[in-house]
Amino acid sequence: MATTVELSTELDCTLQETWDWVRKPALLDHIAHPLIRFEYEDGFDRSAPWPEGEHRVQIYAFGKAPIGWQVIVIEYADAPAGSFMLRDNGYSPMIKRWDHWIILKPGSSPQATHYTDRVHIEAGLLTPGVAAYAKRFYAHRQKRWRALASSDFAALKA
C-alpha cells in the first residue's frame, strides 16, 4: 500500500534565500520542533548544507520519547529552470519508503517563494496512519517556515 501527501504554502522570502536555508539541517531541526527531534551521527555539522547521501538519525517524539531511527537520503535533484528541488528518499524499519520532495518555485512576487512538500509513503498496513501524521507534520513545518521567513530567519541567525 502506498500513498502521496502534498502541501504547499507561500513563504515571505526570496527563492534563493529559501534554497540556502532548506539545505541546512539546522532549519529542519527548527521547523520540526517540538513534534520531532533528530539526533545526528557524531561530528555531523548541522549548520553546513546537507551532504548528498545517507544520514542515519535517531528520532525522538516531542524531543524526548525515542521512536527509532530513520535514514535520510539527500539528493539535490535536477529542477526546471528558475526552481529548486531537494529529495530525501529515506526509509526506516517501519517505513519502507519516505520519498520526500521539497519543491521551490517563484512565488507571487520576487520576494516570495512557492514551497511544496510532497512525500510518497509506503509503510504496509501502517500507511494510512503514517500519511495522516505526514499531513499534520508538514502543516506544522510549513507554519514554522512562514513564521521563520517573516522574521528574516532571526531564530537561526542568533
N, C-alpha and C. Protein backbone atom coordinates (compact mmCIF):
# COMPACT_ATOMS: atom_id res chain seq x y z
N MET A 1 0.85 -1.17 0.00
CA MET A 1 0.00 0.00 0.00
C MET A 1 0.90 1.24 0.00
N ALA A 2 0.58 2.20 -0.86
CA ALA A 2 1.34 3.44 -0.95
C ALA A 2 0.38 4.62 -1.09
N THR A 3 0.84 5.77 -0.71
CA THR A 3 0.05 6.99 -0.86
C THR A 3 0.97 8.19 -0.99
N THR A 4 0.41 9.30 -1.41
CA THR A 4 1.16 10.55 -1.54
C THR A 4 0.46 11.64 -0.74
N VAL A 5 1.25 12.43 -0.03
CA VAL A 5 0.77 13.59 0.70
C VAL A 5 1.47 14.80 0.12
N GLU A 6 0.71 15.86 -0.16
CA GLU A 6 1.32 17.08 -0.70
C GLU A 6 0.66 18.31 -0.07
N LEU A 7 1.49 19.23 0.40
CA LEU A 7 1.03 20.51 0.93
C LEU A 7 1.93 21.61 0.40
N SER A 8 1.34 22.77 0.13
CA SER A 8 2.10 23.91 -0.38
C SER A 8 1.75 25.16 0.42
N THR A 9 2.67 26.10 0.38
CA THR A 9 2.47 27.40 1.03
C THR A 9 3.32 28.43 0.33
N GLU A 10 3.09 29.70 0.65
CA GLU A 10 3.96 30.76 0.12
C GLU A 10 4.76 31.33 1.28
N LEU A 11 6.06 31.47 1.05
CA LEU A 11 6.97 31.99 2.05
C LEU A 11 7.37 33.42 1.69
N ASP A 12 7.51 34.24 2.71
CA ASP A 12 7.87 35.64 2.54
C ASP A 12 9.40 35.80 2.53
N CYS A 13 10.04 35.18 1.53
CA CYS A 13 11.47 35.31 1.33
C CYS A 13 11.79 34.90 -0.10
N THR A 14 12.93 35.31 -0.57
CA THR A 14 13.27 35.04 -1.97
C THR A 14 13.51 33.55 -2.20
N LEU A 15 13.43 33.17 -3.44
CA LEU A 15 13.68 31.79 -3.83
C LEU A 15 15.09 31.35 -3.43
N GLN A 16 16.07 32.20 -3.69
CA GLN A 16 17.46 31.85 -3.35
C GLN A 16 17.65 31.73 -1.84
N GLU A 17 17.05 32.63 -1.09
CA GLU A 17 17.18 32.56 0.37
C GLU A 17 16.52 31.29 0.91
N THR A 18 15.37 30.94 0.36
CA THR A 18 14.70 29.71 0.77
C THR A 18 15.59 28.50 0.48
N TRP A 19 16.16 28.48 -0.73
CA TRP A 19 17.03 27.38 -1.11
C TRP A 19 18.25 27.29 -0.19
N ASP A 20 18.84 28.42 0.14
CA ASP A 20 20.01 28.43 1.02
C ASP A 20 19.66 27.82 2.38
N TRP A 21 18.48 28.14 2.91
CA TRP A 21 18.09 27.64 4.22
C TRP A 21 17.61 26.19 4.18
N VAL A 22 16.87 25.81 3.14
CA VAL A 22 16.29 24.46 3.10
C VAL A 22 17.37 23.38 3.11
N ARG A 23 18.56 23.72 2.67
CA ARG A 23 19.65 22.74 2.60
C ARG A 23 20.37 22.55 3.93
N LYS A 24 19.98 23.27 4.98
CA LYS A 24 20.67 23.17 6.27
C LYS A 24 19.89 22.32 7.27
N PRO A 25 20.53 21.32 7.85
CA PRO A 25 19.86 20.51 8.87
C PRO A 25 19.35 21.35 10.04
N ALA A 26 20.01 22.45 10.38
CA ALA A 26 19.55 23.30 11.48
C ALA A 26 18.15 23.84 11.22
N LEU A 27 17.84 24.09 9.95
CA LEU A 27 16.49 24.54 9.62
C LEU A 27 15.49 23.41 9.87
N LEU A 28 15.82 22.19 9.44
CA LEU A 28 14.93 21.05 9.70
C LEU A 28 14.68 20.91 11.19
N ASP A 29 15.72 21.01 11.99
CA ASP A 29 15.57 20.89 13.43
C ASP A 29 14.58 21.94 13.96
N HIS A 30 14.71 23.17 13.47
CA HIS A 30 13.84 24.26 13.95
C HIS A 30 12.39 24.04 13.53
N ILE A 31 12.15 23.72 12.26
CA ILE A 31 10.76 23.62 11.81
C ILE A 31 10.07 22.34 12.27
N ALA A 32 10.83 21.32 12.63
CA ALA A 32 10.23 20.08 13.15
C ALA A 32 9.88 20.19 14.63
N HIS A 33 10.49 21.12 15.32
CA HIS A 33 10.27 21.33 16.76
C HIS A 33 8.83 21.79 17.01
N PRO A 34 8.16 21.37 18.03
CA PRO A 34 8.56 20.39 19.04
C PRO A 34 8.09 18.97 18.74
N LEU A 35 7.53 18.75 17.54
CA LEU A 35 6.99 17.42 17.24
C LEU A 35 8.06 16.34 17.16
N ILE A 36 9.18 16.68 16.55
CA ILE A 36 10.25 15.70 16.32
C ILE A 36 11.59 16.34 16.65
N ARG A 37 12.46 15.55 17.25
CA ARG A 37 13.86 15.96 17.43
C ARG A 37 14.72 14.90 16.77
N PHE A 38 15.72 15.37 16.02
CA PHE A 38 16.64 14.47 15.34
C PHE A 38 17.98 14.49 16.06
N GLU A 39 18.56 13.32 16.23
CA GLU A 39 19.91 13.21 16.78
C GLU A 39 20.78 12.63 15.67
N TYR A 40 21.79 13.41 15.29
CA TYR A 40 22.65 13.05 14.16
C TYR A 40 23.86 12.25 14.62
N GLU A 41 24.55 11.67 13.66
CA GLU A 41 25.77 10.94 13.96
C GLU A 41 26.84 11.89 14.50
N ASP A 42 27.77 11.37 15.27
CA ASP A 42 28.87 12.18 15.83
C ASP A 42 29.59 12.93 14.72
N GLY A 43 29.86 14.20 14.97
CA GLY A 43 30.62 15.00 14.03
C GLY A 43 29.79 15.63 12.92
N PHE A 44 28.49 15.36 12.87
CA PHE A 44 27.64 15.91 11.81
C PHE A 44 27.48 17.41 12.03
N ASP A 45 27.71 18.21 10.99
CA ASP A 45 27.62 19.67 11.08
C ASP A 45 26.23 20.13 10.66
N ARG A 46 25.39 20.47 11.63
CA ARG A 46 24.02 20.89 11.37
C ARG A 46 23.93 22.24 10.67
N SER A 47 24.99 23.05 10.73
CA SER A 47 24.95 24.39 10.13
C SER A 47 25.41 24.40 8.67
N ALA A 48 26.03 23.33 8.22
CA ALA A 48 26.50 23.23 6.83
C ALA A 48 25.40 22.63 5.97
N PRO A 49 25.45 22.84 4.67
CA PRO A 49 24.46 22.19 3.80
C PRO A 49 24.53 20.67 3.92
N TRP A 50 23.37 20.04 3.75
CA TRP A 50 23.32 18.58 3.78
C TRP A 50 24.27 18.01 2.73
N PRO A 51 25.16 17.11 3.10
CA PRO A 51 25.91 16.39 2.08
C PRO A 51 24.97 15.39 1.40
N GLU A 52 25.14 15.18 0.11
CA GLU A 52 24.34 14.17 -0.56
C GLU A 52 24.71 12.80 0.01
N GLY A 53 23.75 11.91 0.02
CA GLY A 53 23.98 10.56 0.51
C GLY A 53 23.13 10.23 1.72
N GLU A 54 23.48 9.12 2.39
CA GLU A 54 22.70 8.60 3.51
C GLU A 54 23.17 9.15 4.84
N HIS A 55 22.19 9.51 5.68
CA HIS A 55 22.46 10.03 7.02
C HIS A 55 21.48 9.36 7.98
N ARG A 56 22.01 8.53 8.87
CA ARG A 56 21.14 7.85 9.84
C ARG A 56 20.94 8.76 11.04
N VAL A 57 19.68 8.95 11.43
CA VAL A 57 19.34 9.79 12.57
C VAL A 57 18.46 9.01 13.53
N GLN A 58 18.59 9.32 14.80
CA GLN A 58 17.67 8.83 15.81
C GLN A 58 16.55 9.86 15.91
N ILE A 59 15.32 9.39 16.10
CA ILE A 59 14.17 10.29 16.15
C ILE A 59 13.52 10.20 17.52
N TYR A 60 13.16 11.38 18.04
CA TYR A 60 12.50 11.48 19.33
C TYR A 60 11.20 12.27 19.16
N ALA A 61 10.09 11.66 19.58
CA ALA A 61 8.81 12.37 19.56
C ALA A 61 8.80 13.38 20.68
N PHE A 62 8.37 14.57 20.36
CA PHE A 62 8.29 15.68 21.31
C PHE A 62 9.61 15.88 22.05
N GLY A 63 10.71 15.57 21.36
CA GLY A 63 12.04 15.82 21.88
C GLY A 63 12.54 14.83 22.90
N LYS A 64 11.68 13.94 23.38
CA LYS A 64 12.08 13.08 24.49
C LYS A 64 11.88 11.58 24.25
N ALA A 65 10.76 11.19 23.66
CA ALA A 65 10.43 9.77 23.53
C ALA A 65 11.08 9.17 22.29
N PRO A 66 12.03 8.25 22.49
CA PRO A 66 12.68 7.64 21.32
C PRO A 66 11.69 6.82 20.51
N ILE A 67 11.68 7.05 19.19
CA ILE A 67 10.76 6.28 18.34
C ILE A 67 11.52 5.54 17.24
N GLY A 68 12.84 5.45 17.37
CA GLY A 68 13.61 4.66 16.42
C GLY A 68 14.51 5.51 15.54
N TRP A 69 14.97 4.87 14.48
CA TRP A 69 15.90 5.55 13.58
C TRP A 69 15.29 5.66 12.20
N GLN A 70 15.84 6.57 11.44
CA GLN A 70 15.46 6.76 10.04
C GLN A 70 16.73 7.09 9.27
N VAL A 71 16.77 6.66 8.02
CA VAL A 71 17.85 7.07 7.15
C VAL A 71 17.31 8.18 6.25
N ILE A 72 17.96 9.33 6.30
CA ILE A 72 17.66 10.46 5.43
C ILE A 72 18.62 10.33 4.25
N VAL A 73 18.08 10.25 3.05
CA VAL A 73 18.91 10.06 1.85
C VAL A 73 18.78 11.31 0.98
N ILE A 74 19.76 12.19 1.09
CA ILE A 74 19.71 13.50 0.42
C ILE A 74 20.22 13.43 -1.01
N GLU A 75 19.45 14.07 -1.88
CA GLU A 75 19.83 14.23 -3.28
C GLU A 75 19.39 15.63 -3.72
N TYR A 76 20.30 16.34 -4.36
CA TYR A 76 19.95 17.64 -4.95
C TYR A 76 19.52 17.34 -6.39
N ALA A 77 18.21 17.27 -6.57
CA ALA A 77 17.64 16.82 -7.84
C ALA A 77 17.66 17.93 -8.88
N ASP A 78 17.75 17.53 -10.15
CA ASP A 78 17.62 18.49 -11.24
C ASP A 78 16.22 19.08 -11.20
N ALA A 79 16.15 20.39 -11.36
CA ALA A 79 14.87 21.10 -11.30
C ALA A 79 14.70 21.94 -12.57
N PRO A 80 13.46 22.22 -12.94
CA PRO A 80 13.25 23.12 -14.07
C PRO A 80 13.91 24.47 -13.80
N ALA A 81 14.27 25.17 -14.87
CA ALA A 81 14.91 26.48 -14.74
C ALA A 81 14.08 27.39 -13.83
N GLY A 82 14.76 28.10 -12.94
CA GLY A 82 14.08 29.04 -12.05
C GLY A 82 13.45 28.40 -10.83
N SER A 83 13.76 27.13 -10.57
CA SER A 83 13.24 26.45 -9.39
C SER A 83 14.33 25.56 -8.80
N PHE A 84 14.04 25.02 -7.61
CA PHE A 84 14.98 24.13 -6.93
C PHE A 84 14.22 22.94 -6.38
N MET A 85 14.91 21.79 -6.26
CA MET A 85 14.31 20.61 -5.63
C MET A 85 15.36 19.88 -4.79
N LEU A 86 14.92 19.48 -3.61
CA LEU A 86 15.72 18.64 -2.73
C LEU A 86 14.91 17.38 -2.47
N ARG A 87 15.56 16.24 -2.54
CA ARG A 87 14.88 14.96 -2.31
C ARG A 87 15.49 14.25 -1.13
N ASP A 88 14.63 13.74 -0.25
CA ASP A 88 15.03 12.82 0.82
C ASP A 88 14.30 11.52 0.55
N ASN A 89 14.99 10.58 -0.04
CA ASN A 89 14.40 9.28 -0.37
C ASN A 89 14.69 8.31 0.77
N GLY A 90 14.15 8.63 1.93
CA GLY A 90 14.51 7.93 3.16
C GLY A 90 13.69 6.69 3.45
N TYR A 91 14.07 6.05 4.56
CA TYR A 91 13.40 4.82 4.99
C TYR A 91 13.75 4.57 6.45
N SER A 92 12.98 3.66 7.05
CA SER A 92 13.21 3.23 8.43
C SER A 92 12.70 1.81 8.56
N PRO A 93 12.86 1.19 9.72
CA PRO A 93 12.35 -0.18 9.88
C PRO A 93 10.83 -0.28 9.64
N MET A 94 10.07 0.76 10.01
CA MET A 94 8.61 0.70 9.85
C MET A 94 8.13 1.31 8.54
N ILE A 95 8.92 2.18 7.95
CA ILE A 95 8.51 2.87 6.73
C ILE A 95 9.46 2.48 5.61
N LYS A 96 8.97 1.66 4.71
CA LYS A 96 9.80 1.16 3.61
C LYS A 96 10.23 2.29 2.68
N ARG A 97 9.34 3.26 2.47
CA ARG A 97 9.64 4.36 1.55
C ARG A 97 9.06 5.66 2.10
N TRP A 98 9.93 6.65 2.27
CA TRP A 98 9.56 8.01 2.67
C TRP A 98 10.28 8.91 1.67
N ASP A 99 9.69 9.04 0.49
CA ASP A 99 10.32 9.76 -0.62
C ASP A 99 9.80 11.19 -0.63
N HIS A 100 10.50 12.05 0.10
CA HIS A 100 10.08 13.44 0.33
C HIS A 100 10.78 14.38 -0.65
N TRP A 101 9.99 15.14 -1.36
CA TRP A 101 10.49 16.15 -2.28
C TRP A 101 10.13 17.52 -1.74
N ILE A 102 11.11 18.42 -1.67
CA ILE A 102 10.85 19.83 -1.38
C ILE A 102 11.03 20.55 -2.71
N ILE A 103 9.97 21.21 -3.14
CA ILE A 103 9.96 21.87 -4.44
C ILE A 103 9.78 23.36 -4.23
N LEU A 104 10.73 24.14 -4.74
CA LEU A 104 10.70 25.59 -4.58
C LEU A 104 10.56 26.23 -5.95
N LYS A 105 9.56 27.12 -6.07
CA LYS A 105 9.31 27.85 -7.31
C LYS A 105 9.11 29.32 -6.97
N PRO A 106 9.24 30.20 -7.96
CA PRO A 106 8.97 31.62 -7.69
C PRO A 106 7.55 31.79 -7.14
N GLY A 107 7.42 32.71 -6.20
CA GLY A 107 6.13 32.99 -5.60
C GLY A 107 5.40 34.10 -6.34
N SER A 108 4.47 34.73 -5.66
CA SER A 108 3.63 35.76 -6.28
C SER A 108 4.34 37.09 -6.47
N SER A 109 5.53 37.22 -5.89
CA SER A 109 6.36 38.42 -6.07
C SER A 109 7.82 37.98 -6.04
N PRO A 110 8.74 38.87 -6.44
CA PRO A 110 10.16 38.49 -6.38
C PRO A 110 10.66 38.20 -4.96
N GLN A 111 9.92 38.67 -3.96
CA GLN A 111 10.30 38.44 -2.56
C GLN A 111 9.56 37.27 -1.94
N ALA A 112 8.98 36.41 -2.77
CA ALA A 112 8.19 35.28 -2.25
C ALA A 112 8.60 33.98 -2.95
N THR A 113 8.38 32.87 -2.23
CA THR A 113 8.68 31.54 -2.75
C THR A 113 7.46 30.66 -2.57
N HIS A 114 7.12 29.93 -3.62
CA HIS A 114 6.08 28.89 -3.53
C HIS A 114 6.80 27.62 -3.09
N TYR A 115 6.43 27.12 -1.92
CA TYR A 115 7.09 25.99 -1.27
C TYR A 115 6.14 24.80 -1.22
N THR A 116 6.61 23.64 -1.65
CA THR A 116 5.80 22.42 -1.61
C THR A 116 6.56 21.28 -0.95
N ASP A 117 5.88 20.59 -0.04
CA ASP A 117 6.34 19.30 0.50
C ASP A 117 5.49 18.24 -0.18
N ARG A 118 6.14 17.27 -0.83
CA ARG A 118 5.44 16.13 -1.43
C ARG A 118 6.15 14.87 -0.97
N VAL A 119 5.41 13.96 -0.37
CA VAL A 119 6.03 12.72 0.11
C VAL A 119 5.22 11.52 -0.36
N HIS A 120 5.94 10.54 -0.90
CA HIS A 120 5.36 9.26 -1.30
C HIS A 120 5.70 8.28 -0.16
N ILE A 121 4.68 7.66 0.39
CA ILE A 121 4.84 6.83 1.58
C ILE A 121 4.43 5.39 1.29
N GLU A 122 5.30 4.46 1.70
CA GLU A 122 4.97 3.03 1.70
C GLU A 122 5.33 2.49 3.08
N ALA A 123 4.31 2.09 3.81
CA ALA A 123 4.53 1.55 5.16
C ALA A 123 3.59 0.38 5.44
N GLY A 124 3.25 -0.37 4.39
CA GLY A 124 2.37 -1.51 4.57
C GLY A 124 1.05 -1.10 5.19
N LEU A 125 0.59 -1.87 6.16
CA LEU A 125 -0.69 -1.57 6.81
C LEU A 125 -0.66 -0.27 7.60
N LEU A 126 0.54 0.22 7.91
CA LEU A 126 0.66 1.48 8.66
C LEU A 126 0.53 2.71 7.76
N THR A 127 0.48 2.52 6.44
CA THR A 127 0.49 3.64 5.51
C THR A 127 -0.58 4.69 5.82
N PRO A 128 -1.85 4.34 6.05
CA PRO A 128 -2.84 5.39 6.32
C PRO A 128 -2.50 6.23 7.56
N GLY A 129 -2.04 5.59 8.60
CA GLY A 129 -1.67 6.33 9.81
C GLY A 129 -0.44 7.19 9.60
N VAL A 130 0.55 6.67 8.89
CA VAL A 130 1.76 7.45 8.59
C VAL A 130 1.39 8.64 7.71
N ALA A 131 0.50 8.44 6.75
CA ALA A 131 0.08 9.54 5.88
C ALA A 131 -0.67 10.62 6.67
N ALA A 132 -1.53 10.21 7.58
CA ALA A 132 -2.24 11.19 8.42
C ALA A 132 -1.24 11.99 9.25
N TYR A 133 -0.25 11.31 9.80
CA TYR A 133 0.78 12.02 10.55
C TYR A 133 1.56 12.96 9.63
N ALA A 134 1.90 12.52 8.42
CA ALA A 134 2.66 13.36 7.48
C ALA A 134 1.91 14.64 7.17
N LYS A 135 0.60 14.57 6.99
CA LYS A 135 -0.20 15.79 6.74
C LYS A 135 -0.06 16.77 7.89
N ARG A 136 -0.18 16.25 9.11
CA ARG A 136 -0.06 17.12 10.30
C ARG A 136 1.36 17.68 10.41
N PHE A 137 2.34 16.80 10.21
CA PHE A 137 3.73 17.21 10.34
C PHE A 137 4.10 18.28 9.32
N TYR A 138 3.70 18.11 8.05
CA TYR A 138 4.05 19.10 7.03
C TYR A 138 3.27 20.40 7.22
N ALA A 139 2.04 20.34 7.70
CA ALA A 139 1.31 21.57 8.01
C ALA A 139 2.05 22.33 9.12
N HIS A 140 2.52 21.60 10.13
CA HIS A 140 3.29 22.21 11.22
C HIS A 140 4.59 22.81 10.70
N ARG A 141 5.31 22.06 9.90
CA ARG A 141 6.57 22.56 9.33
C ARG A 141 6.36 23.83 8.54
N GLN A 142 5.32 23.83 7.69
CA GLN A 142 5.09 25.00 6.85
C GLN A 142 4.67 26.21 7.67
N LYS A 143 3.94 26.00 8.74
CA LYS A 143 3.60 27.11 9.65
C LYS A 143 4.89 27.67 10.27
N ARG A 144 5.77 26.80 10.70
CA ARG A 144 7.05 27.24 11.28
C ARG A 144 7.92 27.93 10.22
N TRP A 145 7.90 27.42 9.00
CA TRP A 145 8.63 28.06 7.89
C TRP A 145 8.13 29.48 7.69
N ARG A 146 6.80 29.67 7.62
CA ARG A 146 6.24 31.01 7.38
C ARG A 146 6.66 31.97 8.48
N ALA A 147 6.60 31.53 9.73
CA ALA A 147 7.00 32.39 10.85
C ALA A 147 8.49 32.73 10.76
N LEU A 148 9.30 31.76 10.44
CA LEU A 148 10.73 31.96 10.34
C LEU A 148 11.07 32.93 9.22
N ALA A 149 10.45 32.74 8.06
CA ALA A 149 10.70 33.63 6.91
C ALA A 149 10.25 35.05 7.20
N SER A 150 9.12 35.21 7.85
CA SER A 150 8.62 36.56 8.13
C SER A 150 9.46 37.28 9.19
N SER A 151 10.27 36.52 9.94
CA SER A 151 11.16 37.13 10.94
C SER A 151 12.58 37.28 10.40
N ASP A 152 12.75 37.07 9.09
CA ASP A 152 14.07 37.13 8.45
C ASP A 152 15.03 36.10 9.07
N PHE A 153 14.47 34.96 9.47
CA PHE A 153 15.23 33.82 9.99
C PHE A 153 16.00 34.15 11.27
N ALA A 154 15.43 35.07 12.05
CA ALA A 154 16.11 35.54 13.27
C ALA A 154 16.47 34.39 14.21
N ALA A 155 15.60 33.42 14.39
CA ALA A 155 15.87 32.32 15.32
C ALA A 155 17.07 31.49 14.90
N LEU A 156 17.36 31.44 13.62
CA LEU A 156 18.50 30.65 13.14
C LEU A 156 19.77 31.47 13.01
N LYS A 157 19.64 32.78 13.04
CA LYS A 157 20.81 33.64 12.93
C LYS A 157 21.39 34.00 14.29
N ALA A 158 20.65 33.71 15.34
CA ALA A 158 21.07 34.07 16.71
C ALA A 158 22.25 33.26 17.16
